[in-house]
Structure formats: C-alpha cells, structure tokens
Amino acid sequence: MLPGRIEVVELAPDPPAPAVGALPTGVVVLGPGGDDGAPVLLDLVRSGGLLVAGPRAAGAAARCARWPPGWSPPARRWRW
C-alpha cells in the first residue's frame, strides 16, 4: 500500500570540490574519490593511456565525449 502523504525535504548544498592546483603535463583529474572526496589523479604519460570500457548503454561513449581540457579524443575505437 502506498503512503497517503510524502514529505519533500530540502537537501544540503554539495560541499565545494577540493582545490587541485596546477598539474604536471599529462596528469588529469578523473573525479572525486575516497571518503573525503579528494581528487583522483591519472598520469597519462606514466600509465600510457586510459581504457574506458563497459557494456552497451553503460556511458563509456558519453564519458569519452566529455574529455577534460587538454585531452585529445581517442585515436581509435574498437568494437567486438
């Protein structure tokens, strides 16, 4: 049985994102991580690149369409 009344409450605003500062060439922020929301960094020079994968309709193509500033689009796309 459904409730007769549903109360809508105001949510607290999102906390500000932690400052990252200047990053070395090839280092990008992937997003917040950990319990404290500290930035997760990826060194593309050291790692050799980034693989974005997932099943159809999982958002991998949408992620690739929103490259951070300074990134180039992927050179190739493979499908199996």
PDB file of N, CA and C in Angstrom:
ATOM      1  N   MET A   1       0.836  -1.171   0.000  1.00  0.00           N
ATOM      2  CA  MET A   1       0.000   0.000   0.000  1.00  0.00           C
ATOM      3  C   MET A   1       0.890   1.246   0.000  1.00  0.00           C
ATOM      4  N   LEU A   2       0.536   2.234  -0.775  1.00  0.00           N
ATOM      5  CA  LEU A   2       1.300   3.468  -0.864  1.00  0.00           C
ATOM      6  C   LEU A   2       0.942   4.404   0.289  1.00  0.00           C
ATOM      7  N   PRO A   3       1.918   5.209   0.724  1.00  0.00           N
ATOM      8  CA  PRO A   3       1.609   6.170   1.786  1.00  0.00           C
ATOM      9  C   PRO A   3       0.649   7.236   1.281  1.00  0.00           C
ATOM     10  N   GLY A   4      -0.137   7.794   2.191  1.00  0.00           N
ATOM     11  CA  GLY A   4      -1.078   8.835   1.817  1.00  0.00           C
ATOM     12  C   GLY A   4      -0.413  10.171   1.584  1.00  0.00           C
ATOM     13  N   ARG A   5       0.763  10.363   2.181  1.00  0.00           N
ATOM     14  CA  ARG A   5       1.456  11.649   2.070  1.00  0.00           C
ATOM     15  C   ARG A   5       2.960  11.397   1.997  1.00  0.00           C
ATOM     16  N   ILE A   6       3.628  12.138   1.131  1.00  0.00           N
ATOM     17  CA  ILE A   6       5.085  12.060   1.014  1.00  0.00           C
ATOM     18  C   ILE A   6       5.643  13.439   1.291  1.00  0.00           C
ATOM     19  N   GLU A   7       6.572  13.511   2.221  1.00  0.00           N
ATOM     20  CA  GLU A   7       7.178  14.789   2.578  1.00  0.00           C
ATOM     21  C   GLU A   7       8.439  15.017   1.752  1.00  0.00           C
ATOM     22  N   VAL A   8       8.565  16.206   1.198  1.00  0.00           N
ATOM     23  CA  VAL A   8       9.748  16.591   0.427  1.00  0.00           C
ATOM     24  C   VAL A   8      10.584  17.515   1.298  1.00  0.00           C
ATOM     25  N   VAL A   9      11.862  17.179   1.455  1.00  0.00           N
ATOM     26  CA  VAL A   9      12.738  17.990   2.296  1.00  0.00           C
ATOM     27  C   VAL A   9      13.831  18.621   1.438  1.00  0.00           C
ATOM     28  N   GLU A  10      14.351  19.740   1.882  1.00  0.00           N
ATOM     29  CA  GLU A  10      15.469  20.402   1.211  1.00  0.00           C
ATOM     30  C   GLU A  10      16.763  19.674   1.561  1.00  0.00           C
ATOM     31  N   LEU A  11      17.595  19.452   0.561  1.00  0.00           N
ATOM     32  CA  LEU A  11      18.891  18.827   0.793  1.00  0.00           C
ATOM     33  C   LEU A  11      19.950  19.904   0.995  1.00  0.00           C
ATOM     34  N   ALA A  12      20.958  19.550   1.766  1.00  0.00           N
ATOM     35  CA  ALA A  12      22.082  20.475   1.964  1.00  0.00           C
ATOM     36  C   ALA A  12      22.823  20.647   0.643  1.00  0.00           C
ATOM     37  N   PRO A  13      23.413  21.818   0.396  1.00  0.00           N
ATOM     38  CA  PRO A  13      24.164  22.002  -0.849  1.00  0.00           C
ATOM     39  C   PRO A  13      25.395  21.096  -0.874  1.00  0.00           C
ATOM     40  N   ASP A  14      25.851  20.777  -2.078  1.00  0.00           N
ATOM     41  CA  ASP A  14      27.065  19.969  -2.218  1.00  0.00           C
ATOM     42  C   ASP A  14      28.249  20.721  -1.628  1.00  0.00           C
ATOM     43  N   PRO A  15      29.158  20.000  -0.973  1.00  0.00           N
ATOM     44  CA  PRO A  15      30.355  20.675  -0.457  1.00  0.00           C
ATOM     45  C   PRO A  15      31.233  21.120  -1.616  1.00  0.00           C
ATOM     46  N   PRO A  16      32.044  22.153  -1.420  1.00  0.00           N
ATOM     47  CA  PRO A  16      32.918  22.602  -2.510  1.00  0.00           C
ATOM     48  C   PRO A  16      33.956  21.527  -2.838  1.00  0.00           C
ATOM     49  N   ALA A  17      34.314  21.460  -4.099  1.00  0.00           N
ATOM     50  CA  ALA A  17      35.336  20.499  -4.524  1.00  0.00           C
ATOM     51  C   ALA A  17      36.696  20.932  -3.989  1.00  0.00           C
ATOM     52  N   PRO A  18      37.522  19.968  -3.580  1.00  0.00           N
ATOM     53  CA  PRO A  18      38.860  20.328  -3.102  1.00  0.00           C
ATOM     54  C   PRO A  18      39.681  20.968  -4.216  1.00  0.00           C
ATOM     55  N   ALA A  19      40.525  21.911  -3.856  1.00  0.00           N
ATOM     56  CA  ALA A  19      41.391  22.567  -4.837  1.00  0.00           C
ATOM     57  C   ALA A  19      42.464  21.594  -5.302  1.00  0.00           C
ATOM     58  N   VAL A  20      42.741  21.608  -6.593  1.00  0.00           N
ATOM     59  CA  VAL A  20      43.745  20.710  -7.154  1.00  0.00           C
ATOM     60  C   VAL A  20      45.039  21.455  -7.433  1.00  0.00           C
ATOM     61  N   GLY A  21      44.943  22.689  -7.864  1.00  0.00           N
ATOM     62  CA  GLY A  21      46.148  23.441  -8.205  1.00  0.00           C
ATOM     63  C   GLY A  21      46.656  23.065  -9.586  1.00  0.00           C
ATOM     64  N   ALA A  22      47.835  23.531  -9.919  1.00  0.00           N
ATOM     65  CA  ALA A  22      48.436  23.250 -11.228  1.00  0.00           C
ATOM     66  C   ALA A  22      48.897  21.799 -11.270  1.00  0.00           C
ATOM     67  N   LEU A  23      48.634  21.147 -12.384  1.00  0.00           N
ATOM     68  CA  LEU A  23      49.026  19.754 -12.559  1.00  0.00           C
ATOM     69  C   LEU A  23      50.129  19.654 -13.601  1.00  0.00           C
ATOM     70  N   PRO A  24      51.029  18.695 -13.437  1.00  0.00           N
ATOM     71  CA  PRO A  24      52.054  18.491 -14.464  1.00  0.00           C
ATOM     72  C   PRO A  24      51.415  18.085 -15.790  1.00  0.00           C
ATOM     73  N   THR A  25      52.129  18.275 -16.876  1.00  0.00           N
ATOM     74  CA  THR A  25      51.644  17.885 -18.195  1.00  0.00           C
ATOM     75  C   THR A  25      51.320  16.397 -18.206  1.00  0.00           C
ATOM     76  N   GLY A  26      50.152  16.063 -18.730  1.00  0.00           N
ATOM     77  CA  GLY A  26      49.763  14.665 -18.833  1.00  0.00           C
ATOM     78  C   GLY A  26      49.015  14.132 -17.634  1.00  0.00           C
ATOM     79  N   VAL A  27      48.877  14.911 -16.577  1.00  0.00           N
ATOM     80  CA  VAL A  27      48.137  14.486 -15.392  1.00  0.00           C
ATOM     81  C   VAL A  27      46.756  15.129 -15.434  1.00  0.00           C
ATOM     82  N   VAL A  28      45.718  14.316 -15.259  1.00  0.00           N
ATOM     83  CA  VAL A  28      44.346  14.805 -15.303  1.00  0.00           C
ATOM     84  C   VAL A  28      43.596  14.343 -14.064  1.00  0.00           C
ATOM     85  N   VAL A  29      42.550  15.064 -13.729  1.00  0.00           N
ATOM     86  CA  VAL A  29      41.685  14.701 -12.608  1.00  0.00           C
ATOM     87  C   VAL A  29      40.553  13.841 -13.157  1.00  0.00           C
ATOM     88  N   LEU A  30      40.397  12.632 -12.601  1.00  0.00           N
ATOM     89  CA  LEU A  30      39.309  11.762 -13.032  1.00  0.00           C
ATOM     90  C   LEU A  30      38.018  12.074 -12.296  1.00  0.00           C
ATOM     91  N   GLY A  31      38.136  12.582 -11.077  1.00  0.00           N
ATOM     92  CA  GLY A  31      36.950  12.896 -10.286  1.00  0.00           C
ATOM     93  C   GLY A  31      37.243  12.724  -8.816  1.00  0.00           C
ATOM     94  N   PRO A  32      36.215  12.887  -7.986  1.00  0.00           N
ATOM     95  CA  PRO A  32      36.416  12.731  -6.552  1.00  0.00           C
ATOM     96  C   PRO A  32      36.499  11.254  -6.166  1.00  0.00           C
ATOM     97  N   GLY A  33      37.220  10.978  -5.089  1.00  0.00           N
ATOM     98  CA  GLY A  33      37.340   9.594  -4.631  1.00  0.00           C
ATOM     99  C   GLY A  33      37.605   9.519  -3.145  1.00  0.00           C
ATOM    100  N   GLY A  34      37.477   8.353  -2.604  1.00  0.00           N
ATOM    101  CA  GLY A  34      37.723   8.140  -1.184  1.00  0.00           C
ATOM    102  C   GLY A  34      36.629   8.744  -0.326  1.00  0.00           C
ATOM    103  N   ASP A  35      36.753   8.561   0.974  1.00  0.00           N
ATOM    104  CA  ASP A  35      35.752   9.075   1.908  1.00  0.00           C
ATOM    105  C   ASP A  35      35.738  10.591   1.977  1.00  0.00           C
ATOM    106  N   ASP A  36      36.883  11.215   1.703  1.00  0.00           N
ATOM    107  CA  ASP A  36      36.966  12.671   1.814  1.00  0.00           C
ATOM    108  C   ASP A  36      36.720  13.389   0.487  1.00  0.00           C
ATOM    109  N   GLY A  37      36.531  12.638  -0.594  1.00  0.00           N
ATOM    110  CA  GLY A  37      36.274  13.262  -1.891  1.00  0.00           C
ATOM    111  C   GLY A  37      37.501  13.892  -2.514  1.00  0.00           C
ATOM    112  N   ALA A  38      38.692  13.476  -2.063  1.00  0.00           N
ATOM    113  CA  ALA A  38      39.930  14.030  -2.618  1.00  0.00           C
ATOM    114  C   ALA A  38      40.030  13.689  -4.102  1.00  0.00           C
ATOM    115  N   PRO A  39      40.637  14.556  -4.901  1.00  0.00           N
ATOM    116  CA  PRO A  39      40.731  14.303  -6.339  1.00  0.00           C
ATOM    117  C   PRO A  39      41.516  13.027  -6.649  1.00  0.00           C
ATOM    118  N   VAL A  40      41.019  12.249  -7.589  1.00  0.00           N
ATOM    119  CA  VAL A  40      41.732  11.075  -8.095  1.00  0.00           C
ATOM    120  C   VAL A  40      42.446  11.520  -9.360  1.00  0.00           C
ATOM    121  N   LEU A  41      43.761  11.408  -9.359  1.00  0.00           N
ATOM    122  CA  LEU A  41      44.576  11.870 -10.478  1.00  0.00           C
ATOM    123  C   LEU A  41      45.054  10.692 -11.313  1.00  0.00           C
ATOM    124  N   LEU A  42      45.255  10.922 -12.603  1.00  0.00           N
ATOM    125  CA  LEU A  42      45.803   9.917 -13.501  1.00  0.00           C
ATOM    126  C   LEU A  42      46.930  10.549 -14.299  1.00  0.00           C
ATOM    127  N   ASP A  43      48.090   9.926 -14.258  1.00  0.00           N
ATOM    128  CA  ASP A  43      49.242  10.377 -15.032  1.00  0.00           C
ATOM    129  C   ASP A  43      49.244   9.603 -16.345  1.00  0.00           C
ATOM    130  N   LEU A  44      48.783  10.253 -17.416  1.00  0.00           N
ATOM    131  CA  LEU A  44      48.675   9.588 -18.711  1.00  0.00           C
ATOM    132  C   LEU A  44      50.041   9.277 -19.317  1.00  0.00           C
ATOM    133  N   VAL A  45      51.056  10.059 -18.979  1.00  0.00           N
ATOM    134  CA  VAL A  45      52.403   9.804 -19.508  1.00  0.00           C
ATOM    135  C   VAL A  45      52.949   8.525 -18.878  1.00  0.00           C
ATOM    136  N   ARG A  46      52.839   8.413 -17.567  1.00  0.00           N
ATOM    137  CA  ARG A  46      53.363   7.256 -16.849  1.00  0.00           C
ATOM    138  C   ARG A  46      52.553   5.987 -17.148  1.00  0.00           C
ATOM    139  N   SER A  47      51.235   6.127 -17.225  1.00  0.00           N
ATOM    140  CA  SER A  47      50.382   4.952 -17.429  1.00  0.00           C
ATOM    141  C   SER A  47      50.294   4.526 -18.888  1.00  0.00           C
ATOM    142  N   GLY A  48      50.560   5.442 -19.806  1.00  0.00           N
ATOM    143  CA  GLY A  48      50.486   5.114 -21.219  1.00  0.00           C
ATOM    144  C   GLY A  48      49.102   5.306 -21.825  1.00  0.00           C
ATOM    145  N   GLY A  49      48.134   5.731 -21.031  1.00  0.00           N
ATOM    146  CA  GLY A  49      46.805   5.979 -21.568  1.00  0.00           C
ATOM    147  C   GLY A  49      45.720   5.588 -20.589  1.00  0.00           C
ATOM    148  N   LEU A  50      44.510   5.535 -21.101  1.00  0.00           N
ATOM    149  CA  LEU A  50      43.345   5.239 -20.278  1.00  0.00           C
ATOM    150  C   LEU A  50      42.377   4.407 -21.105  1.00  0.00           C
ATOM    151  N   LEU A  51      41.905   3.315 -20.523  1.00  0.00           N
ATOM    152  CA  LEU A  51      40.911   2.478 -21.174  1.00  0.00           C
ATOM    153  C   LEU A  51      39.555   2.774 -20.551  1.00  0.00           C
ATOM    154  N   VAL A  52      38.592   3.146 -21.391  1.00  0.00           N
ATOM    155  CA  VAL A  52      37.214   3.350 -20.945  1.00  0.00           C
ATOM    156  C   VAL A  52      36.396   2.254 -21.611  1.00  0.00           C
ATOM    157  N   ALA A  53      35.829   1.372 -20.801  1.00  0.00           N
ATOM    158  CA  ALA A  53      35.107   0.230 -21.345  1.00  0.00           C
ATOM    159  C   ALA A  53      33.827  -0.014 -20.559  1.00  0.00           C
ATOM    160  N   GLY A  54      32.925  -0.732 -21.163  1.00  0.00           N
ATOM    161  CA  GLY A  54      31.693  -1.093 -20.493  1.00  0.00           C
ATOM    162  C   GLY A  54      30.707  -1.665 -21.480  1.00  0.00           C
ATOM    163  N   PRO A  55      29.641  -2.271 -20.973  1.00  0.00           N
ATOM    164  CA  PRO A  55      28.633  -2.817 -21.871  1.00  0.00           C
ATOM    165  C   PRO A  55      27.882  -1.702 -22.591  1.00  0.00           C
ATOM    166  N   ARG A  56      27.141  -2.060 -23.593  1.00  0.00           N
ATOM    167  CA  ARG A  56      26.342  -1.072 -24.327  1.00  0.00           C
ATOM    168  C   ARG A  56      25.446  -0.299 -23.360  1.00  0.00           C
ATOM    169  N   ALA A  57      25.313   0.982 -23.608  1.00  0.00           N
ATOM    170  CA  ALA A  57      24.455   1.887 -22.824  1.00  0.00           C
ATOM    171  C   ALA A  57      24.955   2.079 -21.396  1.00  0.00           C
ATOM    172  N   ALA A  58      26.241   1.810 -21.129  1.00  0.00           N
ATOM    173  CA  ALA A  58      26.792   1.993 -19.782  1.00  0.00           C
ATOM    174  C   ALA A  58      27.384   3.382 -19.575  1.00  0.00           C
ATOM    175  N   GLY A  59      27.528   4.171 -20.641  1.00  0.00           N
ATOM    176  CA  GLY A  59      28.043   5.523 -20.505  1.00  0.00           C
ATOM    177  C   GLY A  59      29.483   5.713 -20.943  1.00  0.00           C
ATOM    178  N   ALA A  60      30.134   4.676 -21.468  1.00  0.00           N
ATOM    179  CA  ALA A  60      31.532   4.820 -21.892  1.00  0.00           C
ATOM    180  C   ALA A  60      31.664   5.842 -23.023  1.00  0.00           C
ATOM    181  N   ALA A  61      30.759   5.802 -23.994  1.00  0.00           N
ATOM    182  CA  ALA A  61      30.822   6.755 -25.107  1.00  0.00           C
ATOM    183  C   ALA A  61      30.550   8.171 -24.614  1.00  0.00           C
ATOM    184  N   ALA A  62      29.626   8.323 -23.676  1.00  0.00           N
ATOM    185  CA  ALA A  62      29.342   9.649 -23.121  1.00  0.00           C
ATOM    186  C   ALA A  62      30.559  10.174 -22.363  1.00  0.00           C
ATOM    187  N   ARG A  63      31.255   9.314 -21.640  1.00  0.00           N
ATOM    188  CA  ARG A  63      32.461   9.729 -20.919  1.00  0.00           C
ATOM    189  C   ARG A  63      33.516  10.203 -21.908  1.00  0.00           C
ATOM    190  N   CYS A  64      33.677   9.483 -22.998  1.00  0.00           N
ATOM    191  CA  CYS A  64      34.696   9.852 -23.992  1.00  0.00           C
ATOM    192  C   CYS A  64      34.330  11.133 -24.724  1.00  0.00           C
ATOM    193  N   ALA A  65      33.054  11.464 -24.783  1.00  0.00           N
ATOM    194  CA  ALA A  65      32.622  12.682 -25.463  1.00  0.00           C
ATOM    195  C   ALA A  65      32.892  13.918 -24.612  1.00  0.00           C
ATOM    196  N   ARG A  66      33.216  13.724 -23.354  1.00  0.00           N
ATOM    197  CA  ARG A  66      33.459  14.847 -22.442  1.00  0.00           C
ATOM    198  C   ARG A  66      34.883  14.824 -21.916  1.00  0.00           C
ATOM    199  N   TRP A  67      35.839  14.901 -22.816  1.00  0.00           N
ATOM    200  CA  TRP A  67      37.243  14.890 -22.410  1.00  0.00           C
ATOM    201  C   TRP A  67      37.554  16.133 -21.602  1.00  0.00           C
ATOM    202  N   PRO A  68      38.364  16.007 -20.565  1.00  0.00           N
ATOM    203  CA  PRO A  68      38.793  17.197 -19.822  1.00  0.00           C
ATOM    204  C   PRO A  68      39.625  18.115 -20.711  1.00  0.00           C
ATOM    205  N   PRO A  69      39.749  19.389 -20.334  1.00  0.00           N
ATOM    206  CA  PRO A  69      40.566  20.307 -21.129  1.00  0.00           C
ATOM    207  C   PRO A  69      41.987  19.783 -21.285  1.00  0.00           C
ATOM    208  N   GLY A  70      42.524  19.903 -22.484  1.00  0.00           N
ATOM    209  CA  GLY A  70      43.897  19.465 -22.739  1.00  0.00           C
ATOM    210  C   GLY A  70      43.984  18.036 -23.246  1.00  0.00           C
ATOM    211  N   TRP A  71      42.898  17.282 -23.206  1.00  0.00           N
ATOM    212  CA  TRP A  71      42.910  15.911 -23.728  1.00  0.00           C
ATOM    213  C   TRP A  71      42.545  15.938 -25.191  1.00  0.00           C
ATOM    214  N   SER A  72      43.007  14.947 -25.908  1.00  0.00           N
ATOM    215  CA  SER A  72      42.597  14.753 -27.294  1.00  0.00           C
ATOM    216  C   SER A  72      41.589  13.618 -27.336  1.00  0.00           C
ATOM    217  N   PRO A  73      40.691  13.616 -28.315  1.00  0.00           N
ATOM    218  CA  PRO A  73      39.786  12.482 -28.439  1.00  0.00           C
ATOM    219  C   PRO A  73      40.572  11.205 -28.707  1.00  0.00           C
ATOM    220  N   PRO A  74      39.991  10.048 -28.441  1.00  0.00           N
ATOM    221  CA  PRO A  74      40.719   8.800 -28.673  1.00  0.00           C
ATOM    222  C   PRO A  74      41.104   8.650 -30.134  1.00  0.00           C
ATOM    223  N   ALA A  75      42.274   8.093 -30.357  1.00  0.00           N
ATOM    224  CA  ALA A  75      42.761   7.919 -31.722  1.00  0.00           C
ATOM    225  C   ALA A  75      41.983   6.834 -32.456  1.00  0.00           C
ATOM    226  N   ARG A  76      41.556   5.798 -31.714  1.00  0.00           N
ATOM    227  CA  ARG A  76      40.852   4.692 -32.359  1.00  0.00           C
ATOM    228  C   ARG A  76      39.774   4.174 -31.433  1.00  0.00           C
ATOM    229  N   ARG A  77      38.770   3.578 -32.047  1.00  0.00           N
ATOM    230  CA  ARG A  77      37.718   2.886 -31.279  1.00  0.00           C
ATOM    231  C   ARG A  77      37.626   1.467 -31.791  1.00  0.00           C
ATOM    232  N   TRP A  78      37.567   0.549 -30.883  1.00  0.00           N
ATOM    233  CA  TRP A  78      37.409  -0.857 -31.249  1.00  0.00           C
ATOM    234  C   TRP A  78      36.091  -1.362 -30.715  1.00  0.00           C
ATOM    235  N   ARG A  79      35.471  -2.249 -31.473  1.00  0.00           N
ATOM    236  CA  ARG A  79      34.250  -2.912 -31.025  1.00  0.00           C
ATOM    237  C   ARG A  79      34.389  -4.399 -31.302  1.00  0.00           C
ATOM    238  N   TRP A  80      33.905  -5.173 -30.374  1.00  0.00           N
ATOM    239  CA  TRP A  80      33.885  -6.623 -30.566  1.00  0.00           C
ATOM    240  C   TRP A  80      32.478  -7.094 -30.599  1.00  0.00           C
TER     241      TRP A  80
END
